Amino acid sequence: MAAISREEVAHLARLSRLAVTEEELDRFAGQLDVILQSVARVGEVAAEDIPPTSHSVPLTNVYRDDVPVPSLTQDEALSGAPDAYEGRFRVPRILDEEE
């Protein structure tokens, strides 16, 4: 697996709206590379006869009753948004629509 580059870390930081310094780009690139290598190693040792699991112990009755509670108004919810339009969150387009 190829190491993650500083440019990829900078791109991820921009997508996450994080301001990072040049030193942090180097440090994060190394840290993320270690994480990605560790995930790749887990994938190498995973055996086909072991079923995938989401929890180490079985969970039962994990759902709570759906009870309405007071929540944010539309204006409160949009108050922290970088951009809003007609009462909605406005986000950059990431996919081109096919015509």
PDB file of N, CA and C in Angstrom:
ATOM      1  N   MET A   1       0.851  -1.174   0.000  1.00  0.00           N
ATOM      2  CA  MET A   1       0.000   0.000   0.000  1.00  0.00           C
ATOM      3  C   MET A   1       0.894   1.234   0.000  1.00  0.00           C
ATOM      4  N   ALA A   2       0.576   2.180  -0.849  1.00  0.00           N
ATOM      5  CA  ALA A   2       1.361   3.409  -0.947  1.00  0.00           C
ATOM      6  C   ALA A   2       1.119   4.282   0.275  1.00  0.00           C
ATOM      7  N   ALA A   3       2.158   4.990   0.673  1.00  0.00           N
ATOM      8  CA  ALA A   3       2.049   5.893   1.819  1.00  0.00           C
ATOM      9  C   ALA A   3       1.146   7.064   1.450  1.00  0.00           C
ATOM     10  N   ILE A   4       0.448   7.603   2.432  1.00  0.00           N
ATOM     11  CA  ILE A   4      -0.415   8.754   2.198  1.00  0.00           C
ATOM     12  C   ILE A   4       0.476   9.999   2.077  1.00  0.00           C
ATOM     13  N   SER A   5       0.197  10.823   1.102  1.00  0.00           N
ATOM     14  CA  SER A   5       1.058  11.979   0.823  1.00  0.00           C
ATOM     15  C   SER A   5       0.595  13.207   1.611  1.00  0.00           C
ATOM     16  N   ARG A   6       1.485  14.186   1.700  1.00  0.00           N
ATOM     17  CA  ARG A   6       1.153  15.459   2.345  1.00  0.00           C
ATOM     18  C   ARG A   6      -0.009  16.122   1.617  1.00  0.00           C
ATOM     19  N   GLU A   7      -0.032  15.991   0.290  1.00  0.00           N
ATOM     20  CA  GLU A   7      -1.100  16.600  -0.496  1.00  0.00           C
ATOM     21  C   GLU A   7      -2.451  15.971  -0.167  1.00  0.00           C
ATOM     22  N   GLU A   8      -2.461  14.648   0.051  1.00  0.00           N
ATOM     23  CA  GLU A   8      -3.703  13.973   0.419  1.00  0.00           C
ATOM     24  C   GLU A   8      -4.161  14.411   1.815  1.00  0.00           C
ATOM     25  N   VAL A   9      -3.208  14.580   2.724  1.00  0.00           N
ATOM     26  CA  VAL A   9      -3.549  15.053   4.068  1.00  0.00           C
ATOM     27  C   VAL A   9      -4.101  16.471   3.984  1.00  0.00           C
ATOM     28  N   ALA A  10      -3.469  17.330   3.174  1.00  0.00           N
ATOM     29  CA  ALA A  10      -3.950  18.703   3.006  1.00  0.00           C
ATOM     30  C   ALA A  10      -5.355  18.707   2.410  1.00  0.00           C
ATOM     31  N   HIS A  11      -5.598  17.805   1.456  1.00  0.00           N
ATOM     32  CA  HIS A  11      -6.926  17.706   0.849  1.00  0.00           C
ATOM     33  C   HIS A  11      -7.961  17.286   1.893  1.00  0.00           C
ATOM     34  N   LEU A  12      -7.637  16.289   2.703  1.00  0.00           N
ATOM     35  CA  LEU A  12      -8.545  15.848   3.758  1.00  0.00           C
ATOM     36  C   LEU A  12      -8.804  16.969   4.759  1.00  0.00           C
ATOM     37  N   ALA A  13      -7.763  17.734   5.082  1.00  0.00           N
ATOM     38  CA  ALA A  13      -7.919  18.849   6.017  1.00  0.00           C
ATOM     39  C   ALA A  13      -8.859  19.904   5.437  1.00  0.00           C
ATOM     40  N   ARG A  14      -8.710  20.199   4.140  1.00  0.00           N
ATOM     41  CA  ARG A  14      -9.610  21.171   3.502  1.00  0.00           C
ATOM     42  C   ARG A  14     -11.049  20.667   3.526  1.00  0.00           C
ATOM     43  N   LEU A  15     -11.256  19.392   3.199  1.00  0.00           N
ATOM     44  CA  LEU A  15     -12.607  18.831   3.229  1.00  0.00           C
ATOM     45  C   LEU A  15     -13.209  18.889   4.629  1.00  0.00           C
ATOM     46  N   SER A  16     -12.360  18.728   5.639  1.00  0.00           N
ATOM     47  CA  SER A  16     -12.814  18.741   7.032  1.00  0.00           C
ATOM     48  C   SER A  16     -12.838  20.143   7.619  1.00  0.00           C
ATOM     49  N   ARG A  17     -12.443  21.115   6.801  1.00  0.00           N
ATOM     50  CA  ARG A  17     -12.365  22.511   7.249  1.00  0.00           C
ATOM     51  C   ARG A  17     -11.453  22.662   8.453  1.00  0.00           C
ATOM     52  N   LEU A  18     -10.303  21.989   8.396  1.00  0.00           N
ATOM     53  CA  LEU A  18      -9.298  22.072   9.453  1.00  0.00           C
ATOM     54  C   LEU A  18      -8.116  22.891   8.963  1.00  0.00           C
ATOM     55  N   ALA A  19      -7.668  23.809   9.788  1.00  0.00           N
ATOM     56  CA  ALA A  19      -6.463  24.565   9.470  1.00  0.00           C
ATOM     57  C   ALA A  19      -5.276  23.814  10.070  1.00  0.00           C
ATOM     58  N   VAL A  20      -4.363  23.397   9.227  1.00  0.00           N
ATOM     59  CA  VAL A  20      -3.193  22.658   9.712  1.00  0.00           C
ATOM     60  C   VAL A  20      -1.926  23.347   9.224  1.00  0.00           C
ATOM     61  N   THR A  21      -0.883  23.256  10.037  1.00  0.00           N
ATOM     62  CA  THR A  21       0.399  23.844   9.687  1.00  0.00           C
ATOM     63  C   THR A  21       1.201  22.871   8.831  1.00  0.00           C
ATOM     64  N   GLU A  22       2.298  23.365   8.272  1.00  0.00           N
ATOM     65  CA  GLU A  22       3.174  22.507   7.472  1.00  0.00           C
ATOM     66  C   GLU A  22       3.719  21.360   8.313  1.00  0.00           C
ATOM     67  N   GLU A  23       4.075  21.651   9.577  1.00  0.00           N
ATOM     68  CA  GLU A  23       4.590  20.600  10.460  1.00  0.00           C
ATOM     69  C   GLU A  23       3.520  19.554  10.750  1.00  0.00           C
ATOM     70  N   GLU A  24       2.277  20.020  10.925  1.00  0.00           N
ATOM     71  CA  GLU A  24       1.189  19.077  11.193  1.00  0.00           C
ATOM     72  C   GLU A  24       0.914  18.195   9.976  1.00  0.00           C
ATOM     73  N   LEU A  25       1.060  18.743   8.778  1.00  0.00           N
ATOM     74  CA  LEU A  25       0.874  17.918   7.578  1.00  0.00           C
ATOM     75  C   LEU A  25       1.837  16.742   7.577  1.00  0.00           C
ATOM     76  N   ASP A  26       3.104  17.015   7.920  1.00  0.00           N
ATOM     77  CA  ASP A  26       4.092  15.931   7.971  1.00  0.00           C
ATOM     78  C   ASP A  26       3.741  14.918   9.060  1.00  0.00           C
ATOM     79  N   ARG A  27       3.405  15.437  10.252  1.00  0.00           N
ATOM     80  CA  ARG A  27       3.104  14.547  11.378  1.00  0.00           C
ATOM     81  C   ARG A  27       1.854  13.717  11.084  1.00  0.00           C
ATOM     82  N   PHE A  28       0.789  14.355  10.574  1.00  0.00           N
ATOM     83  CA  PHE A  28      -0.453  13.641  10.288  1.00  0.00           C
ATOM     84  C   PHE A  28      -0.266  12.626   9.170  1.00  0.00           C
ATOM     85  N   ALA A  29       0.551  12.961   8.179  1.00  0.00           N
ATOM     86  CA  ALA A  29       0.800  12.008   7.087  1.00  0.00           C
ATOM     87  C   ALA A  29       1.415  10.731   7.643  1.00  0.00           C
ATOM     88  N   GLY A  30       2.386  10.870   8.543  1.00  0.00           N
ATOM     89  CA  GLY A  30       3.001   9.695   9.162  1.00  0.00           C
ATOM     90  C   GLY A  30       2.019   8.911  10.010  1.00  0.00           C
ATOM     91  N   GLN A  31       1.212   9.625  10.795  1.00  0.00           N
ATOM     92  CA  GLN A  31       0.245   8.961  11.663  1.00  0.00           C
ATOM     93  C   GLN A  31      -0.827   8.236  10.848  1.00  0.00           C
ATOM     94  N   LEU A  32      -1.337   8.899   9.820  1.00  0.00           N
ATOM     95  CA  LEU A  32      -2.360   8.262   8.988  1.00  0.00           C
ATOM     96  C   LEU A  32      -1.797   7.067   8.230  1.00  0.00           C
ATOM     97  N   ASP A  33      -0.523   7.153   7.838  1.00  0.00           N
ATOM     98  CA  ASP A  33       0.103   6.029   7.151  1.00  0.00           C
ATOM     99  C   ASP A  33       0.168   4.807   8.074  1.00  0.00           C
ATOM    100  N   VAL A  34       0.518   5.021   9.339  1.00  0.00           N
ATOM    101  CA  VAL A  34       0.563   3.921  10.305  1.00  0.00           C
ATOM    102  C   VAL A  34      -0.828   3.307  10.473  1.00  0.00           C
ATOM    103  N   ILE A  35      -1.846   4.155  10.549  1.00  0.00           N
ATOM    104  CA  ILE A  35      -3.221   3.668  10.698  1.00  0.00           C
ATOM    105  C   ILE A  35      -3.623   2.833   9.487  1.00  0.00           C
ATOM    106  N   LEU A  36      -3.353   3.351   8.289  1.00  0.00           N
ATOM    107  CA  LEU A  36      -3.725   2.627   7.071  1.00  0.00           C
ATOM    108  C   LEU A  36      -2.975   1.304   6.958  1.00  0.00           C
ATOM    109  N   GLN A  37      -1.709   1.273   7.349  1.00  0.00           N
ATOM    110  CA  GLN A  37      -0.948   0.022   7.327  1.00  0.00           C
ATOM    111  C   GLN A  37      -1.527  -0.982   8.322  1.00  0.00           C
ATOM    112  N   SER A  38      -1.948  -0.498   9.491  1.00  0.00           N
ATOM    113  CA  SER A  38      -2.539  -1.389  10.492  1.00  0.00           C
ATOM    114  C   SER A  38      -3.846  -1.991   9.993  1.00  0.00           C
ATOM    115  N   VAL A  39      -4.667  -1.175   9.346  1.00  0.00           N
ATOM    116  CA  VAL A  39      -5.926  -1.673   8.789  1.00  0.00           C
ATOM    117  C   VAL A  39      -5.638  -2.705   7.706  1.00  0.00           C
ATOM    118  N   ALA A  40      -4.629  -2.449   6.884  1.00  0.00           N
ATOM    119  CA  ALA A  40      -4.276  -3.397   5.824  1.00  0.00           C
ATOM    120  C   ALA A  40      -3.811  -4.722   6.424  1.00  0.00           C
ATOM    121  N   ARG A  41      -3.062  -4.664   7.530  1.00  0.00           N
ATOM    122  CA  ARG A  41      -2.610  -5.905   8.173  1.00  0.00           C
ATOM    123  C   ARG A  41      -3.774  -6.706   8.715  1.00  0.00           C
ATOM    124  N   VAL A  42      -4.765  -6.041   9.278  1.00  0.00           N
ATOM    125  CA  VAL A  42      -5.948  -6.749   9.775  1.00  0.00           C
ATOM    126  C   VAL A  42      -6.646  -7.447   8.616  1.00  0.00           C
ATOM    127  N   GLY A  43      -6.732  -6.759   7.476  1.00  0.00           N
ATOM    128  CA  GLY A  43      -7.349  -7.361   6.300  1.00  0.00           C
ATOM    129  C   GLY A  43      -6.603  -8.579   5.810  1.00  0.00           C
ATOM    130  N   GLU A  44      -5.289  -8.603   5.989  1.00  0.00           N
ATOM    131  CA  GLU A  44      -4.482  -9.744   5.547  1.00  0.00           C
ATOM    132  C   GLU A  44      -4.728 -10.984   6.397  1.00  0.00           C
ATOM    133  N   VAL A  45      -4.957 -10.798   7.699  1.00  0.00           N
ATOM    134  CA  VAL A  45      -5.096 -11.953   8.589  1.00  0.00           C
ATOM    135  C   VAL A  45      -6.542 -12.391   8.771  1.00  0.00           C
ATOM    136  N   ALA A  46      -7.479 -11.610   8.272  1.00  0.00           N
ATOM    137  CA  ALA A  46      -8.886 -11.994   8.423  1.00  0.00           C
ATOM    138  C   ALA A  46      -9.134 -13.296   7.662  1.00  0.00           C
ATOM    139  N   ALA A  47      -9.672 -14.266   8.368  1.00  0.00           N
ATOM    140  CA  ALA A  47      -9.930 -15.577   7.772  1.00  0.00           C
ATOM    141  C   ALA A  47     -11.350 -15.624   7.228  1.00  0.00           C
ATOM    142  N   GLU A  48     -11.526 -16.362   6.143  1.00  0.00           N
ATOM    143  CA  GLU A  48     -12.844 -16.464   5.529  1.00  0.00           C
ATOM    144  C   GLU A  48     -13.835 -17.226   6.408  1.00  0.00           C
ATOM    145  N   ASP A  49     -13.331 -18.093   7.295  1.00  0.00           N
ATOM    146  CA  ASP A  49     -14.244 -18.869   8.130  1.00  0.00           C
ATOM    147  C   ASP A  49     -14.695 -18.122   9.381  1.00  0.00           C
ATOM    148  N   ILE A  50     -14.221 -16.883   9.554  1.00  0.00           N
ATOM    149  CA  ILE A  50     -14.634 -16.066  10.699  1.00  0.00           C
ATOM    150  C   ILE A  50     -15.618 -15.016  10.191  1.00  0.00           C
ATOM    151  N   PRO A  51     -16.857 -15.047  10.678  1.00  0.00           N
ATOM    152  CA  PRO A  51     -17.849 -14.080  10.183  1.00  0.00           C
ATOM    153  C   PRO A  51     -17.526 -12.667  10.670  1.00  0.00           C
ATOM    154  N   PRO A  52     -17.826 -11.668   9.851  1.00  0.00           N
ATOM    155  CA  PRO A  52     -17.611 -10.284  10.282  1.00  0.00           C
ATOM    156  C   PRO A  52     -18.521  -9.949  11.458  1.00  0.00           C
ATOM    157  N   THR A  53     -18.028  -9.149  12.376  1.00  0.00           N
ATOM    158  CA  THR A  53     -18.821  -8.743  13.533  1.00  0.00           C
ATOM    159  C   THR A  53     -18.702  -7.240  13.730  1.00  0.00           C
ATOM    160  N   SER A  54     -19.717  -6.665  14.332  1.00  0.00           N
ATOM    161  CA  SER A  54     -19.652  -5.245  14.659  1.00  0.00           C
ATOM    162  C   SER A  54     -19.381  -5.033  16.144  1.00  0.00           C
ATOM    163  N   HIS A  55     -19.641  -6.068  16.952  1.00  0.00           N
ATOM    164  CA  HIS A  55     -19.396  -5.993  18.390  1.00  0.00           C
ATOM    165  C   HIS A  55     -18.793  -7.316  18.852  1.00  0.00           C
ATOM    166  N   SER A  56     -17.992  -7.233  19.896  1.00  0.00           N
ATOM    167  CA  SER A  56     -17.351  -8.447  20.390  1.00  0.00           C
ATOM    168  C   SER A  56     -18.301  -9.329  21.183  1.00  0.00           C
ATOM    169  N   VAL A  57     -19.380  -8.742  21.711  1.00  0.00           N
ATOM    170  CA  VAL A  57     -20.382  -9.517  22.440  1.00  0.00           C
ATOM    171  C   VAL A  57     -21.746  -9.245  21.806  1.00  0.00           C
ATOM    172  N   PRO A  58     -22.631 -10.220  21.826  1.00  0.00           N
ATOM    173  CA  PRO A  58     -23.958 -10.000  21.230  1.00  0.00           C
ATOM    174  C   PRO A  58     -24.724  -8.908  21.982  1.00  0.00           C
ATOM    175  N   LEU A  59     -25.445  -8.089  21.235  1.00  0.00           N
ATOM    176  CA  LEU A  59     -26.263  -7.043  21.836  1.00  0.00           C
ATOM    177  C   LEU A  59     -27.732  -7.364  21.605  1.00  0.00           C
ATOM    178  N   THR A  60     -28.531  -7.159  22.638  1.00  0.00           N
ATOM    179  CA  THR A  60     -29.967  -7.336  22.493  1.00  0.00           C
ATOM    180  C   THR A  60     -30.667  -6.132  23.092  1.00  0.00           C
ATOM    181  N   ASN A  61     -31.864  -5.839  22.565  1.00  0.00           N
ATOM    182  CA  ASN A  61     -32.669  -4.736  23.074  1.00  0.00           C
ATOM    183  C   ASN A  61     -31.885  -3.431  23.149  1.00  0.00           C
ATOM    184  N   VAL A  62     -31.243  -3.081  22.056  1.00  0.00           N
ATOM    185  CA  VAL A  62     -30.436  -1.869  22.056  1.00  0.00           C
ATOM    186  C   VAL A  62     -31.228  -0.645  21.612  1.00  0.00           C
ATOM    187  N   TYR A  63     -32.483  -0.818  21.235  1.00  0.00           N
ATOM    188  CA  TYR A  63     -33.284   0.299  20.765  1.00  0.00           C
ATOM    189  C   TYR A  63     -34.058   0.936  21.903  1.00  0.00           C
ATOM    190  N   ARG A  64     -34.155   2.231  21.866  1.00  0.00           N
ATOM    191  CA  ARG A  64     -34.956   2.942  22.855  1.00  0.00           C
ATOM    192  C   ARG A  64     -36.291   3.309  22.219  1.00  0.00           C
ATOM    193  N   ASP A  65     -37.258   3.636  23.041  1.00  0.00           N
ATOM    194  CA  ASP A  65     -38.539   4.081  22.517  1.00  0.00           C
ATOM    195  C   ASP A  65     -38.342   5.399  21.783  1.00  0.00           C
ATOM    196  N   ASP A  66     -39.047   5.564  20.684  1.00  0.00           N
ATOM    197  CA  ASP A  66     -38.967   6.786  19.891  1.00  0.00           C
ATOM    198  C   ASP A  66     -39.943   7.799  20.475  1.00  0.00           C
ATOM    199  N   VAL A  67     -39.418   8.657  21.341  1.00  0.00           N
ATOM    200  CA  VAL A  67     -40.246   9.634  22.030  1.00  0.00           C
ATOM    201  C   VAL A  67     -39.854  11.025  21.538  1.00  0.00           C
ATOM    202  N   PRO A  68     -40.814  11.793  21.024  1.00  0.00           N
ATOM    203  CA  PRO A  68     -40.476  13.150  20.577  1.00  0.00           C
ATOM    204  C   PRO A  68     -40.030  14.017  21.749  1.00  0.00           C
ATOM    205  N   VAL A  69     -38.985  14.793  21.522  1.00  0.00           N
ATOM    206  CA  VAL A  69     -38.477  15.727  22.532  1.00  0.00           C
ATOM    207  C   VAL A  69     -38.229  17.066  21.847  1.00  0.00           C
ATOM    208  N   PRO A  70     -38.208  18.149  22.601  1.00  0.00           N
ATOM    209  CA  PRO A  70     -37.934  19.447  21.989  1.00  0.00           C
ATOM    210  C   PRO A  70     -36.565  19.431  21.308  1.00  0.00           C
ATOM    211  N   SER A  71     -36.477  20.124  20.175  1.00  0.00           N
ATOM    212  CA  SER A  71     -35.211  20.163  19.451  1.00  0.00           C
ATOM    213  C   SER A  71     -34.960  21.575  18.949  1.00  0.00           C
ATOM    214  N   LEU A  72     -33.923  21.723  18.152  1.00  0.00           N
ATOM    215  CA  LEU A  72     -33.560  23.033  17.632  1.00  0.00           C
ATOM    216  C   LEU A  72     -34.585  23.532  16.627  1.00  0.00           C
ATOM    217  N   THR A  73     -34.755  24.855  16.597  1.00  0.00           N
ATOM    218  CA  THR A  73     -35.557  25.436  15.528  1.00  0.00           C
ATOM    219  C   THR A  73     -34.723  25.413  14.257  1.00  0.00           C
ATOM    220  N   GLN A  74     -35.357  25.680  13.132  1.00  0.00           N
ATOM    221  CA  GLN A  74     -34.628  25.705  11.866  1.00  0.00           C
ATOM    222  C   GLN A  74     -33.531  26.766  11.903  1.00  0.00           C
ATOM    223  N   ASP A  75     -33.830  27.949  12.434  1.00  0.00           N
ATOM    224  CA  ASP A  75     -32.822  29.008  12.515  1.00  0.00           C
ATOM    225  C   ASP A  75     -31.665  28.621  13.430  1.00  0.00           C
ATOM    226  N   GLU A  76     -31.959  27.958  14.542  1.00  0.00           N
ATOM    227  CA  GLU A  76     -30.901  27.521  15.449  1.00  0.00           C
ATOM    228  C   GLU A  76     -30.004  26.477  14.785  1.00  0.00           C
ATOM    229  N   ALA A  77     -30.629  25.550  14.065  1.00  0.00           N
ATOM    230  CA  ALA A  77     -29.854  24.502  13.396  1.00  0.00           C
ATOM    231  C   ALA A  77     -28.950  25.083  12.324  1.00  0.00           C
ATOM    232  N   LEU A  78     -29.429  26.093  11.611  1.00  0.00           N
ATOM    233  CA  LEU A  78     -28.647  26.687  10.521  1.00  0.00           C
ATOM    234  C   LEU A  78     -27.689  27.769  10.995  1.00  0.00           C
ATOM    235  N   SER A  79     -27.752  28.154  12.263  1.00  0.00           N
ATOM    236  CA  SER A  79     -26.923  29.259  12.747  1.00  0.00           C
ATOM    237  C   SER A  79     -25.428  28.972  12.648  1.00  0.00           C
ATOM    238  N   GLY A  80     -25.018  27.743  12.742  1.00  0.00           N
ATOM    239  CA  GLY A  80     -23.594  27.404  12.658  1.00  0.00           C
ATOM    240  C   GLY A  80     -23.154  26.945  11.284  1.00  0.00           C
ATOM    241  N   ALA A  81     -24.069  26.955  10.323  1.00  0.00           N
ATOM    242  CA  ALA A  81     -23.731  26.477   8.976  1.00  0.00           C
ATOM    243  C   ALA A  81     -22.876  27.501   8.245  1.00  0.00           C
ATOM    244  N   PRO A  82     -21.858  27.041   7.509  1.00  0.00           N
ATOM    245  CA  PRO A  82     -21.052  27.974   6.725  1.00  0.00           C
ATOM    246  C   PRO A  82     -21.864  28.659   5.634  1.00  0.00           C
ATOM    247  N   ASP A  83     -22.902  27.984   5.131  1.00  0.00           N
ATOM    248  CA  ASP A  83     -23.727  28.555   4.076  1.00  0.00           C
ATOM    249  C   ASP A  83     -25.115  27.925   4.150  1.00  0.00           C
ATOM    250  N   ALA A  84     -26.139  28.778   4.062  1.00  0.00           N
ATOM    251  CA  ALA A  84     -27.518  28.290   4.066  1.00  0.00           C
ATOM    252  C   ALA A  84     -28.269  28.993   2.941  1.00  0.00           C
ATOM    253  N   TYR A  85     -29.280  28.300   2.394  1.00  0.00           N
ATOM    254  CA  TYR A  85     -30.076  28.853   1.301  1.00  0.00           C
ATOM    255  C   TYR A  85     -31.500  28.352   1.440  1.00  0.00           C
ATOM    256  N   GLU A  86     -32.450  29.260   1.484  1.00  0.00           N
ATOM    257  CA  GLU A  86     -33.867  28.934   1.597  1.00  0.00           C
ATOM    258  C   GLU A  86     -34.148  27.954   2.736  1.00  0.00           C
ATOM    259  N   GLY A  87     -33.535  28.194   3.886  1.00  0.00           N
ATOM    260  CA  GLY A  87     -33.799  27.366   5.058  1.00  0.00           C
ATOM    261  C   GLY A  87     -33.164  25.999   5.036  1.00  0.00           C
ATOM    262  N   ARG A  88     -32.146  25.815   4.195  1.00  0.00           N
ATOM    263  CA  ARG A  88     -31.477  24.517   4.094  1.00  0.00           C
ATOM    264  C   ARG A  88     -29.971  24.712   4.171  1.00  0.00           C
ATOM    265  N   PHE A  89     -29.264  23.652   4.538  1.00  0.00           N
ATOM    266  CA  PHE A  89     -27.815  23.667   4.475  1.00  0.00           C
ATOM    267  C   PHE A  89     -27.399  23.696   3.015  1.00  0.00           C
ATOM    268  N   ARG A  90     -26.489  24.569   2.670  1.00  0.00           N
ATOM    269  CA  ARG A  90     -25.983  24.607   1.297  1.00  0.00           C
ATOM    270  C   ARG A  90     -24.581  24.012   1.317  1.00  0.00           C
ATOM    271  N   VAL A  91     -24.369  23.001   0.500  1.00  0.00           N
ATOM    272  CA  VAL A  91     -23.078  22.310   0.448  1.00  0.00           C
ATOM    273  C   VAL A  91     -22.547  22.341  -0.976  1.00  0.00           C
ATOM    274  N   PRO A  92     -21.228  22.251  -1.134  1.00  0.00           N
ATOM    275  CA  PRO A  92     -20.670  22.244  -2.485  1.00  0.00           C
ATOM    276  C   PRO A  92     -21.100  20.995  -3.251  1.00  0.00           C
ATOM    277  N   ARG A  93     -21.325  21.170  -4.538  1.00  0.00           N
ATOM    278  CA  ARG A  93     -21.671  20.042  -5.402  1.00  0.00           C
ATOM    279  C   ARG A  93     -20.431  19.177  -5.564  1.00  0.00           C
ATOM    280  N   ILE A  94     -20.580  17.865  -5.376  1.00  0.00           N
ATOM    281  CA  ILE A  94     -19.440  16.964  -5.529  1.00  0.00           C
ATOM    282  C   ILE A  94     -19.629  16.002  -6.697  1.00  0.00           C
ATOM    283  N   LEU A  95     -20.848  15.880  -7.173  1.00  0.00           N
ATOM    284  CA  LEU A  95     -21.126  14.986  -8.292  1.00  0.00           C
ATOM    285  C   LEU A  95     -21.799  15.783  -9.391  1.00  0.00           C
ATOM    286  N   ASP A  96     -21.390  15.561 -10.620  1.00  0.00           N
ATOM    287  CA  ASP A  96     -22.053  16.179 -11.755  1.00  0.00           C
ATOM    288  C   ASP A  96     -23.281  15.376 -12.105  1.00  0.00           C
ATOM    289  N   GLU A  97     -24.356  16.070 -12.414  1.00  0.00           N
ATOM    290  CA  GLU A  97     -25.575  15.377 -12.827  1.00  0.00           C
ATOM    291  C   GLU A  97     -25.463  15.034 -14.297  1.00  0.00           C
ATOM    292  N   GLU A  98     -25.904  13.823 -14.632  1.00  0.00           N
ATOM    293  CA  GLU A  98     -25.900  13.402 -16.020  1.00  0.00           C
ATOM    294  C   GLU A  98     -27.153  13.938 -16.694  1.00  0.00           C
ATOM    295  N   GLU A  99     -26.985  14.393 -17.927  1.00  0.00           N
ATOM    296  CA  GLU A  99     -28.143  14.923 -18.655  1.00  0.00           C
ATOM    297  C   GLU A  99     -28.562  13.998 -19.753  1.00  0.00           C
TER     298      GLU A  99
END
